[in-house]
């Protein structure tokens, strides 16, 4: 097996899953409900990037950053227009509302842009050979952008006042409010950052692969699985889980028993088993460590 290629593929997949999962686990931790529309906001970001990049001929990176900012504002509008009225309605009502919103976004995007596969407009450059593995130019860009975004978020979360307020609200909303923290303001910041990260993640996925209206539907189960494995509400757990899941998927696809054991019968796993790895990881986690890999940030 080509271990260098396995590592490269794992890092790229983890970058895409992780940056979307960060936003979802933030929403989960602060608002206490499963937002099934989160990955559909990633689709909005991907198509806004397409509009700016292809329609208005913007530089791709600039289009991604502006699109992510706009999706952050869309996230605030979603909260103000829908979920603000469900703060005290438990977790079932907003979850069902998010399912309906996901369907509306998915089919709305398809009605506007059509069902066809689209691609961004960028300069095609040759890939690179790294220690026997191959990485494309878009994959290098995906990794760099995702790494910078995650590092910036780490600095915000650990060293800024709003970051500390976010962690306090996630840990205990009522206590944070009693200590004078404006929890509604924190909620808006969480929606902005979480939705913005989703939009950026959607653009990165579309850059690495292709753009179609069902991008969010394809990623909803993997992203939720990463959040569960990492621990609901744990940002760093989500990143660690994304790396773990991505490596497991890449290893299963590349697995070849004959290359490991001379004379062994041929044994390879079809690429269709890639998704099954995530389900297996979730089941194993629920059996061995139901709270996830990491505790929620306090």
C-alpha atoms as a PDB file:
ATOM      1  CA  UNK A   1       0.000   0.000   0.000  1.00  0.00           C
ATOM      2  CA  UNK A   2       1.068   3.546  -0.703  1.00  0.00           C
ATOM      3  CA  UNK A   3       1.143   4.987   2.819  1.00  0.00           C
ATOM      4  CA  UNK A   4       2.092   8.453   1.597  1.00  0.00           C
ATOM      5  CA  UNK A   5      -1.043   8.575  -0.549  1.00  0.00           C
ATOM      6  CA  UNK A   6      -3.163   7.344   2.351  1.00  0.00           C
ATOM      7  CA  UNK A   7      -1.856  10.162   4.563  1.00  0.00           C
ATOM      8  CA  UNK A   8      -2.396  12.777   1.844  1.00  0.00           C
ATOM      9  CA  UNK A   9      -5.948  11.620   1.142  1.00  0.00           C
ATOM     10  CA  UNK A  10      -6.666  11.528   4.874  1.00  0.00           C
ATOM     11  CA  UNK A  11      -5.490  15.102   5.431  1.00  0.00           C
ATOM     12  CA  UNK A  12      -7.583  16.442   2.550  1.00  0.00           C
ATOM     13  CA  UNK A  13     -10.738  14.585   3.602  1.00  0.00           C
ATOM     14  CA  UNK A  14     -10.217  15.609   7.230  1.00  0.00           C
ATOM     15  CA  UNK A  15      -9.826  19.258   6.183  1.00  0.00           C
ATOM     16  CA  UNK A  16     -13.162  19.196   4.361  1.00  0.00           C
ATOM     17  CA  UNK A  17     -15.060  17.267   7.034  1.00  0.00           C
ATOM     18  CA  UNK A  18     -13.472  19.118   9.936  1.00  0.00           C
ATOM     19  CA  UNK A  19     -14.204  22.658   8.829  1.00  0.00           C
ATOM     20  CA  UNK A  20     -17.889  21.852   8.267  1.00  0.00           C
ATOM     21  CA  UNK A  21     -18.132  19.829  11.499  1.00  0.00           C
ATOM     22  CA  UNK A  22     -16.734  22.717  13.574  1.00  0.00           C
ATOM     23  CA  UNK A  23     -19.757  24.847  12.768  1.00  0.00           C
ATOM     24  CA  UNK A  24     -22.189  22.016  13.472  1.00  0.00           C
ATOM     25  CA  UNK A  25     -20.702  21.104  16.845  1.00  0.00           C
ATOM     26  CA  UNK A  26     -20.750  24.797  17.859  1.00  0.00           C
ATOM     27  CA  UNK A  27     -24.465  24.997  17.076  1.00  0.00           C
ATOM     28  CA  UNK A  28     -25.034  21.698  18.835  1.00  0.00           C
ATOM     29  CA  UNK A  29     -23.193  22.853  21.942  1.00  0.00           C
ATOM     30  CA  UNK A  30     -24.780  26.295  22.298  1.00  0.00           C
ATOM     31  CA  UNK A  31     -28.310  25.786  20.955  1.00  0.00           C
ATOM     32  CA  UNK A  32     -28.798  22.157  22.014  1.00  0.00           C
ATOM     33  CA  UNK A  33     -30.386  20.791  18.850  1.00  0.00           C
ATOM     34  CA  UNK A  34     -29.302  18.876  15.774  1.00  0.00           C
ATOM     35  CA  UNK A  35     -29.287  21.322  12.857  1.00  0.00           C
ATOM     36  CA  UNK A  36     -29.820  19.152   9.788  1.00  0.00           C
ATOM     37  CA  UNK A  37     -29.757  22.245   7.573  1.00  0.00           C
ATOM     38  CA  UNK A  38     -26.116  22.919   8.452  1.00  0.00           C
ATOM     39  CA  UNK A  39     -24.635  21.021   5.520  1.00  0.00           C
ATOM     40  CA  UNK A  40     -27.114  22.700   3.201  1.00  0.00           C
ATOM     41  CA  UNK A  41     -25.664  26.075   4.192  1.00  0.00           C
ATOM     42  CA  UNK A  42     -22.406  24.605   2.898  1.00  0.00           C
ATOM     43  CA  UNK A  43     -24.159  24.242  -0.467  1.00  0.00           C
ATOM     44  CA  UNK A  44     -25.165  27.910  -0.341  1.00  0.00           C
ATOM     45  CA  UNK A  45     -21.531  28.846   0.204  1.00  0.00           C
ATOM     46  CA  UNK A  46     -20.404  26.662  -2.681  1.00  0.00           C
ATOM     47  CA  UNK A  47     -22.906  28.203  -5.096  1.00  0.00           C
ATOM     48  CA  UNK A  48     -22.252  31.765  -3.936  1.00  0.00           C
ATOM     49  CA  UNK A  49     -18.569  31.101  -4.614  1.00  0.00           C
ATOM     50  CA  UNK A  50     -19.509  29.831  -8.080  1.00  0.00           C
ATOM     51  CA  UNK A  51     -21.571  32.961  -8.749  1.00  0.00           C
ATOM     52  CA  UNK A  52     -18.743  35.286  -7.733  1.00  0.00           C
ATOM     53  CA  UNK A  53     -15.989  33.252  -9.374  1.00  0.00           C
ATOM     54  CA  UNK A  54     -17.619  32.224 -12.647  1.00  0.00           C
ATOM     55  CA  UNK A  55     -20.430  34.748 -12.992  1.00  0.00           C
ATOM     56  CA  UNK A  56     -18.516  37.856 -11.870  1.00  0.00           C
ATOM     57  CA  UNK A  57     -14.985  36.578 -12.665  1.00  0.00           C
ATOM     58  CA  UNK A  58     -13.624  37.022  -9.153  1.00  0.00           C
ATOM     59  CA  UNK A  59     -10.465  35.376  -7.937  1.00  0.00           C
ATOM     60  CA  UNK A  60     -11.441  32.000  -6.451  1.00  0.00           C
ATOM     61  CA  UNK A  61      -9.960  32.605  -2.991  1.00  0.00           C
ATOM     62  CA  UNK A  62     -11.595  36.034  -2.713  1.00  0.00           C
ATOM     63  CA  UNK A  63     -14.890  34.530  -3.872  1.00  0.00           C
ATOM     64  CA  UNK A  64     -14.649  31.842  -1.170  1.00  0.00           C
ATOM     65  CA  UNK A  65     -13.968  34.328   1.627  1.00  0.00           C
ATOM     66  CA  UNK A  66     -16.758  36.704   0.591  1.00  0.00           C
ATOM     67  CA  UNK A  67     -19.163  33.791   0.112  1.00  0.00           C
ATOM     68  CA  UNK A  68     -18.305  32.456   3.594  1.00  0.00           C
ATOM     69  CA  UNK A  69     -19.031  35.891   5.082  1.00  0.00           C
ATOM     70  CA  UNK A  70     -22.358  36.081   3.253  1.00  0.00           C
ATOM     71  CA  UNK A  71     -23.311  32.601   4.437  1.00  0.00           C
ATOM     72  CA  UNK A  72     -22.506  33.706   7.979  1.00  0.00           C
ATOM     73  CA  UNK A  73     -25.053  36.488   7.550  1.00  0.00           C
ATOM     74  CA  UNK A  74     -27.508  33.955   6.115  1.00  0.00           C
ATOM     75  CA  UNK A  75     -27.009  31.911   9.286  1.00  0.00           C
ATOM     76  CA  UNK A  76     -27.929  34.930  11.425  1.00  0.00           C
ATOM     77  CA  UNK A  77     -31.020  35.532   9.257  1.00  0.00           C
ATOM     78  CA  UNK A  78     -32.045  31.878   9.682  1.00  0.00           C
ATOM     79  CA  UNK A  79     -31.790  32.163  13.439  1.00  0.00           C
ATOM     80  CA  UNK A  80     -33.666  35.474  13.585  1.00  0.00           C
ATOM     81  CA  UNK A  81     -36.382  34.256  11.233  1.00  0.00           C
ATOM     82  CA  UNK A  82     -36.874  30.689  12.490  1.00  0.00           C
ATOM     83  CA  UNK A  83     -34.961  29.328  15.442  1.00  0.00           C
ATOM     84  CA  UNK A  84     -35.202  32.412  17.676  1.00  0.00           C
ATOM     85  CA  UNK A  85     -38.833  31.532  18.270  1.00  0.00           C
ATOM     86  CA  UNK A  86     -37.932  27.992  19.374  1.00  0.00           C
ATOM     87  CA  UNK A  87     -35.459  28.748  22.166  1.00  0.00           C
ATOM     88  CA  UNK A  88     -37.699  27.189  24.826  1.00  0.00           C
ATOM     89  CA  UNK A  89     -39.405  24.589  22.630  1.00  0.00           C
ATOM     90  CA  UNK A  90     -37.018  21.744  23.461  1.00  0.00           C
ATOM     91  CA  UNK A  91     -34.800  20.063  20.891  1.00  0.00           C
ATOM     92  CA  UNK A  92     -37.382  18.231  18.753  1.00  0.00           C
ATOM     93  CA  UNK A  93     -39.180  21.236  17.247  1.00  0.00           C
ATOM     94  CA  UNK A  94     -36.034  23.026  15.978  1.00  0.00           C
ATOM     95  CA  UNK A  95     -34.642  19.724  14.694  1.00  0.00           C
ATOM     96  CA  UNK A  96     -37.767  19.116  12.613  1.00  0.00           C
ATOM     97  CA  UNK A  97     -37.702  22.732  11.445  1.00  0.00           C
ATOM     98  CA  UNK A  98     -34.072  22.272  10.339  1.00  0.00           C
ATOM     99  CA  UNK A  99     -35.062  19.196   8.315  1.00  0.00           C
ATOM    100  CA  UNK A 100     -37.691  21.230   6.490  1.00  0.00           C
ATOM    101  CA  UNK A 101     -35.235  24.079   5.966  1.00  0.00           C
ATOM    102  CA  UNK A 102     -32.677  21.656   4.528  1.00  0.00           C
ATOM    103  CA  UNK A 103     -35.180  20.446   1.930  1.00  0.00           C
ATOM    104  CA  UNK A 104     -36.134  24.017   1.029  1.00  0.00           C
ATOM    105  CA  UNK A 105     -32.494  25.056   0.562  1.00  0.00           C
ATOM    106  CA  UNK A 106     -31.567  21.970  -1.457  1.00  0.00           C
ATOM    107  CA  UNK A 107     -34.433  22.236  -3.915  1.00  0.00           C
ATOM    108  CA  UNK A 108     -34.239  26.032  -3.994  1.00  0.00           C
ATOM    109  CA  UNK A 109     -30.605  25.839  -5.093  1.00  0.00           C
ATOM    110  CA  UNK A 110     -31.505  23.249  -7.710  1.00  0.00           C
ATOM    111  CA  UNK A 111     -34.350  25.431  -9.017  1.00  0.00           C
ATOM    112  CA  UNK A 112     -31.999  28.418  -9.406  1.00  0.00           C
ATOM    113  CA  UNK A 113     -28.838  26.760 -10.733  1.00  0.00           C
ATOM    114  CA  UNK A 114     -30.207  23.530 -12.207  1.00  0.00           C
ATOM    115  CA  UNK A 115     -29.254  19.910 -11.466  1.00  0.00           C
ATOM    116  CA  UNK A 116     -26.131  19.847 -13.648  1.00  0.00           C
ATOM    117  CA  UNK A 117     -22.603  19.478 -12.294  1.00  0.00           C
ATOM    118  CA  UNK A 118     -20.652  22.751 -12.224  1.00  0.00           C
ATOM    119  CA  UNK A 119     -16.993  23.621 -11.745  1.00  0.00           C
ATOM    120  CA  UNK A 120     -15.097  26.701 -10.648  1.00  0.00           C
ATOM    121  CA  UNK A 121     -12.925  28.796 -12.925  1.00  0.00           C
ATOM    122  CA  UNK A 122      -9.283  28.663 -11.801  1.00  0.00           C
ATOM    123  CA  UNK A 123      -5.859  28.170 -13.299  1.00  0.00           C
ATOM    124  CA  UNK A 124      -5.116  24.491 -13.786  1.00  0.00           C
ATOM    125  CA  UNK A 125      -1.703  23.608 -12.398  1.00  0.00           C
ATOM    126  CA  UNK A 126       0.175  20.312 -12.305  1.00  0.00           C
ATOM    127  CA  UNK A 127       0.015  18.258  -9.138  1.00  0.00           C
ATOM    128  CA  UNK A 128       2.926  17.416  -6.876  1.00  0.00           C
ATOM    129  CA  UNK A 129       4.720  14.226  -5.887  1.00  0.00           C
ATOM    130  CA  UNK A 130       5.227  14.055  -2.121  1.00  0.00           C
ATOM    131  CA  UNK A 131       7.152  11.065  -0.712  1.00  0.00           C
ATOM    132  CA  UNK A 132       5.641   8.760  -3.313  1.00  0.00           C
ATOM    133  CA  UNK A 133       2.129  10.169  -3.062  1.00  0.00           C
ATOM    134  CA  UNK A 134       0.326  12.527  -5.449  1.00  0.00           C
ATOM    135  CA  UNK A 135      -1.574  15.666  -4.484  1.00  0.00           C
ATOM    136  CA  UNK A 136      -3.416  18.000  -6.847  1.00  0.00           C
ATOM    137  CA  UNK A 137      -3.127  21.782  -6.759  1.00  0.00           C
ATOM    138  CA  UNK A 138      -6.740  22.225  -5.529  1.00  0.00           C
ATOM    139  CA  UNK A 139      -6.079  19.748  -2.709  1.00  0.00           C
ATOM    140  CA  UNK A 140      -3.065  21.771  -1.593  1.00  0.00           C
ATOM    141  CA  UNK A 141      -5.277  24.861  -1.594  1.00  0.00           C
ATOM    142  CA  UNK A 142      -8.004  23.044   0.371  1.00  0.00           C
ATOM    143  CA  UNK A 143      -5.542  21.982   3.058  1.00  0.00           C
ATOM    144  CA  UNK A 144      -3.941  25.421   3.408  1.00  0.00           C
ATOM    145  CA  UNK A 145      -7.229  27.337   3.558  1.00  0.00           C
ATOM    146  CA  UNK A 146      -8.771  24.881   6.031  1.00  0.00           C
ATOM    147  CA  UNK A 147      -5.666  24.870   8.241  1.00  0.00           C
ATOM    148  CA  UNK A 148      -5.504  28.689   8.358  1.00  0.00           C
ATOM    149  CA  UNK A 149      -9.240  28.924   9.117  1.00  0.00           C
ATOM    150  CA  UNK A 150      -8.994  26.378  11.939  1.00  0.00           C
ATOM    151  CA  UNK A 151      -5.947  28.106  13.419  1.00  0.00           C
ATOM    152  CA  UNK A 152      -7.723  31.468  13.323  1.00  0.00           C
ATOM    153  CA  UNK A 153     -10.727  29.947  15.040  1.00  0.00           C
ATOM    154  CA  UNK A 154      -8.510  28.411  17.728  1.00  0.00           C
ATOM    155  CA  UNK A 155      -7.030  31.839  18.481  1.00  0.00           C
ATOM    156  CA  UNK A 156     -10.517  33.379  18.595  1.00  0.00           C
ATOM    157  CA  UNK A 157     -11.899  30.659  20.859  1.00  0.00           C
ATOM    158  CA  UNK A 158      -9.027  30.634  23.352  1.00  0.00           C
ATOM    159  CA  UNK A 159      -7.812  34.226  23.539  1.00  0.00           C
ATOM    160  CA  UNK A 160     -10.720  36.572  22.766  1.00  0.00           C
ATOM    161  CA  UNK A 161     -13.540  37.723  25.035  1.00  0.00           C
ATOM    162  CA  UNK A 162     -16.200  36.492  22.639  1.00  0.00           C
ATOM    163  CA  UNK A 163     -14.448  33.135  22.448  1.00  0.00           C
ATOM    164  CA  UNK A 164     -14.515  32.766  26.221  1.00  0.00           C
ATOM    165  CA  UNK A 165     -18.171  33.835  26.225  1.00  0.00           C
ATOM    166  CA  UNK A 166     -18.915  31.183  23.605  1.00  0.00           C
ATOM    167  CA  UNK A 167     -17.280  28.501  25.720  1.00  0.00           C
ATOM    168  CA  UNK A 168     -19.125  29.649  28.831  1.00  0.00           C
ATOM    169  CA  UNK A 169     -22.487  29.683  27.046  1.00  0.00           C
ATOM    170  CA  UNK A 170     -21.838  26.241  25.589  1.00  0.00           C
ATOM    171  CA  UNK A 171     -20.979  24.879  29.044  1.00  0.00           C
ATOM    172  CA  UNK A 172     -23.962  26.366  30.907  1.00  0.00           C
ATOM    173  CA  UNK A 173     -26.196  28.898  29.175  1.00  0.00           C
ATOM    174  CA  UNK A 174     -28.180  29.865  32.267  1.00  0.00           C
ATOM    175  CA  UNK A 175     -25.084  30.357  34.416  1.00  0.00           C
ATOM    176  CA  UNK A 176     -23.398  32.381  31.676  1.00  0.00           C
ATOM    177  CA  UNK A 177     -26.456  34.607  31.454  1.00  0.00           C
ATOM    178  CA  UNK A 178     -26.464  35.035  35.241  1.00  0.00           C
ATOM    179  CA  UNK A 179     -22.806  36.138  35.073  1.00  0.00           C
ATOM    180  CA  UNK A 180     -23.722  38.982  32.734  1.00  0.00           C
ATOM    181  CA  UNK A 181     -22.896  37.369  29.392  1.00  0.00           C
ATOM    182  CA  UNK A 182     -25.207  38.425  26.586  1.00  0.00           C
ATOM    183  CA  UNK A 183     -26.139  34.914  25.467  1.00  0.00           C
ATOM    184  CA  UNK A 184     -28.261  36.158  22.551  1.00  0.00           C
ATOM    185  CA  UNK A 185     -25.242  38.014  21.180  1.00  0.00           C
ATOM    186  CA  UNK A 186     -23.157  34.862  21.627  1.00  0.00           C
ATOM    187  CA  UNK A 187     -25.819  32.893  19.781  1.00  0.00           C
ATOM    188  CA  UNK A 188     -25.623  35.261  16.812  1.00  0.00           C
ATOM    189  CA  UNK A 189     -21.826  34.971  16.761  1.00  0.00           C
ATOM    190  CA  UNK A 190     -22.109  31.174  16.826  1.00  0.00           C
ATOM    191  CA  UNK A 191     -24.531  31.250  13.904  1.00  0.00           C
ATOM    192  CA  UNK A 192     -22.274  33.607  11.966  1.00  0.00           C
ATOM    193  CA  UNK A 193     -19.051  31.642  12.512  1.00  0.00           C
ATOM    194  CA  UNK A 194     -20.661  28.217  12.241  1.00  0.00           C
ATOM    195  CA  UNK A 195     -22.539  29.031   9.031  1.00  0.00           C
ATOM    196  CA  UNK A 196     -19.498  30.844   7.613  1.00  0.00           C
ATOM    197  CA  UNK A 197     -17.313  27.798   8.220  1.00  0.00           C
ATOM    198  CA  UNK A 198     -19.957  25.610   6.584  1.00  0.00           C
ATOM    199  CA  UNK A 199     -20.033  27.898   3.554  1.00  0.00           C
ATOM    200  CA  UNK A 200     -16.248  27.850   3.293  1.00  0.00           C
ATOM    201  CA  UNK A 201     -16.204  24.079   3.707  1.00  0.00           C
ATOM    202  CA  UNK A 202     -18.776  23.630   0.962  1.00  0.00           C
ATOM    203  CA  UNK A 203     -16.687  25.756  -1.408  1.00  0.00           C
ATOM    204  CA  UNK A 204     -13.567  23.724  -0.575  1.00  0.00           C
ATOM    205  CA  UNK A 205     -15.369  20.429  -1.220  1.00  0.00           C
ATOM    206  CA  UNK A 206     -16.683  21.719  -4.549  1.00  0.00           C
ATOM    207  CA  UNK A 207     -13.179  22.926  -5.483  1.00  0.00           C
ATOM    208  CA  UNK A 208     -11.683  19.523  -4.747  1.00  0.00           C
ATOM    209  CA  UNK A 209     -14.467  17.517  -6.405  1.00  0.00           C
ATOM    210  CA  UNK A 210     -17.466  19.043  -8.147  1.00  0.00           C
ATOM    211  CA  UNK A 211     -20.485  21.208  -7.435  1.00  0.00           C
ATOM    212  CA  UNK A 212     -24.056  19.933  -7.465  1.00  0.00           C
ATOM    213  CA  UNK A 213     -27.196  20.646  -5.382  1.00  0.00           C
ATOM    214  CA  UNK A 214     -26.912  17.366  -3.438  1.00  0.00           C
ATOM    215  CA  UNK A 215     -23.485  18.124  -1.994  1.00  0.00           C
ATOM    216  CA  UNK A 216     -25.025  18.857   1.408  1.00  0.00           C
ATOM    217  CA  UNK A 217     -27.118  15.682   1.390  1.00  0.00           C
ATOM    218  CA  UNK A 218     -24.023  13.584   0.675  1.00  0.00           C
ATOM    219  CA  UNK A 219     -22.107  15.135   3.569  1.00  0.00           C
ATOM    220  CA  UNK A 220     -24.823  15.296   6.244  1.00  0.00           C
ATOM    221  CA  UNK A 221     -24.221  11.801   7.680  1.00  0.00           C
ATOM    222  CA  UNK A 222     -20.380  11.985   7.605  1.00  0.00           C
ATOM    223  CA  UNK A 223     -20.396  15.414   9.275  1.00  0.00           C
ATOM    224  CA  UNK A 224     -22.865  14.368  11.976  1.00  0.00           C
ATOM    225  CA  UNK A 225     -20.842  11.216  12.558  1.00  0.00           C
ATOM    226  CA  UNK A 226     -17.672  13.256  13.020  1.00  0.00           C
ATOM    227  CA  UNK A 227     -19.456  15.446  15.592  1.00  0.00           C
ATOM    228  CA  UNK A 228     -20.709  12.390  17.504  1.00  0.00           C
ATOM    229  CA  UNK A 229     -17.327  10.681  17.457  1.00  0.00           C
ATOM    230  CA  UNK A 230     -15.520  13.821  18.562  1.00  0.00           C
ATOM    231  CA  UNK A 231     -18.029  14.568  21.304  1.00  0.00           C
ATOM    232  CA  UNK A 232     -21.021  16.869  20.914  1.00  0.00           C
ATOM    233  CA  UNK A 233     -19.949  20.459  21.535  1.00  0.00           C
ATOM    234  CA  UNK A 234     -16.217  19.729  21.362  1.00  0.00           C
ATOM    235  CA  UNK A 235     -14.523  21.684  18.581  1.00  0.00           C
ATOM    236  CA  UNK A 236     -11.167  19.977  19.026  1.00  0.00           C
ATOM    237  CA  UNK A 237     -12.857  16.610  19.322  1.00  0.00           C
ATOM    238  CA  UNK A 238     -14.515  17.216  15.947  1.00  0.00           C
ATOM    239  CA  UNK A 239     -11.141  17.963  14.359  1.00  0.00           C
ATOM    240  CA  UNK A 240      -9.597  14.831  15.895  1.00  0.00           C
ATOM    241  CA  UNK A 241     -12.577  12.745  14.794  1.00  0.00           C
ATOM    242  CA  UNK A 242     -12.317  14.113  11.246  1.00  0.00           C
ATOM    243  CA  UNK A 243      -8.680  12.990  11.101  1.00  0.00           C
ATOM    244  CA  UNK A 244      -9.553   9.561  12.515  1.00  0.00           C
ATOM    245  CA  UNK A 245     -12.493   8.974  10.171  1.00  0.00           C
ATOM    246  CA  UNK A 246     -10.587  10.255   7.133  1.00  0.00           C
ATOM    247  CA  UNK A 247      -7.617   7.971   7.835  1.00  0.00           C
ATOM    248  CA  UNK A 248      -9.895   4.962   8.378  1.00  0.00           C
ATOM    249  CA  UNK A 249     -11.674   5.619   5.073  1.00  0.00           C
ATOM    250  CA  UNK A 250      -8.445   6.099   3.128  1.00  0.00           C
ATOM    251  CA  UNK A 251      -6.934   2.955   4.669  1.00  0.00           C
ATOM    252  CA  UNK A 252      -9.957   0.795   3.839  1.00  0.00           C
ATOM    253  CA  UNK A 253      -9.991   1.953   0.220  1.00  0.00           C
ATOM    254  CA  UNK A 254      -6.258   1.329  -0.201  1.00  0.00           C
ATOM    255  CA  UNK A 255      -6.218  -1.957   1.749  1.00  0.00           C
ATOM    256  CA  UNK A 256      -4.689  -4.887  -0.117  1.00  0.00           C
ATOM    257  CA  UNK A 257      -4.056  -8.073   1.851  1.00  0.00           C
ATOM    258  CA  UNK A 258      -1.605  -9.419  -0.730  1.00  0.00           C
ATOM    259  CA  UNK A 259       0.667  -6.391  -0.334  1.00  0.00           C
ATOM    260  CA  UNK A 260       0.833  -7.020   3.413  1.00  0.00           C
ATOM    261  CA  UNK A 261       1.089 -10.826   3.470  1.00  0.00           C
ATOM    262  CA  UNK A 262       2.941 -12.641   0.720  1.00  0.00           C
ATOM    263  CA  UNK A 263       0.909 -15.476  -0.745  1.00  0.00           C
ATOM    264  CA  UNK A 264      -2.338 -14.356   0.888  1.00  0.00           C
ATOM    265  CA  UNK A 265      -5.552 -14.438  -1.161  1.00  0.00           C
ATOM    266  CA  UNK A 266      -6.610 -11.232  -2.875  1.00  0.00           C
ATOM    267  CA  UNK A 267      -8.759  -9.095  -0.598  1.00  0.00           C
ATOM    268  CA  UNK A 268      -9.811  -5.536  -1.402  1.00  0.00           C
ATOM    269  CA  UNK A 269     -12.693  -3.450  -0.144  1.00  0.00           C
ATOM    270  CA  UNK A 270     -14.920  -1.804  -2.780  1.00  0.00           C
ATOM    271  CA  UNK A 271     -15.010   1.974  -2.666  1.00  0.00           C
ATOM    272  CA  UNK A 272     -18.704   1.722  -1.737  1.00  0.00           C
ATOM    273  CA  UNK A 273     -17.570   0.589   1.723  1.00  0.00           C
ATOM    274  CA  UNK A 274     -16.080   4.037   2.326  1.00  0.00           C
ATOM    275  CA  UNK A 275     -19.289   5.304   3.932  1.00  0.00           C
ATOM    276  CA  UNK A 276     -19.720   2.102   5.932  1.00  0.00           C
ATOM    277  CA  UNK A 277     -16.480   2.931   7.762  1.00  0.00           C
ATOM    278  CA  UNK A 278     -18.164   5.982   9.305  1.00  0.00           C
ATOM    279  CA  UNK A 279     -21.182   3.975  10.472  1.00  0.00           C
ATOM    280  CA  UNK A 280     -18.891   1.351  11.967  1.00  0.00           C
ATOM    281  CA  UNK A 281     -16.872   4.010  13.769  1.00  0.00           C
ATOM    282  CA  UNK A 282     -20.030   5.557  15.267  1.00  0.00           C
ATOM    283  CA  UNK A 283     -21.347   2.180  16.466  1.00  0.00           C
ATOM    284  CA  UNK A 284     -17.972   1.313  17.997  1.00  0.00           C
ATOM    285  CA  UNK A 285     -17.813   4.685  19.725  1.00  0.00           C
ATOM    286  CA  UNK A 286     -21.326   4.394  21.177  1.00  0.00           C
ATOM    287  CA  UNK A 287     -20.388   1.020  22.605  1.00  0.00           C
ATOM    288  CA  UNK A 288     -17.012   2.003  24.072  1.00  0.00           C
ATOM    289  CA  UNK A 289     -17.180   5.753  24.753  1.00  0.00           C
ATOM    290  CA  UNK A 290     -20.664   7.244  24.326  1.00  0.00           C
ATOM    291  CA  UNK A 291     -19.479  10.736  25.333  1.00  0.00           C
ATOM    292  CA  UNK A 292     -17.112  10.942  22.368  1.00  0.00           C
ATOM    293  CA  UNK A 293     -13.354  11.285  22.058  1.00  0.00           C
ATOM    294  CA  UNK A 294     -13.161  14.611  23.875  1.00  0.00           C
ATOM    295  CA  UNK A 295     -15.192  16.330  26.510  1.00  0.00           C
ATOM    296  CA  UNK A 296     -17.011  19.509  25.559  1.00  0.00           C
ATOM    297  CA  UNK A 297     -14.969  22.671  26.129  1.00  0.00           C
ATOM    298  CA  UNK A 298     -15.776  24.322  29.455  1.00  0.00           C
END
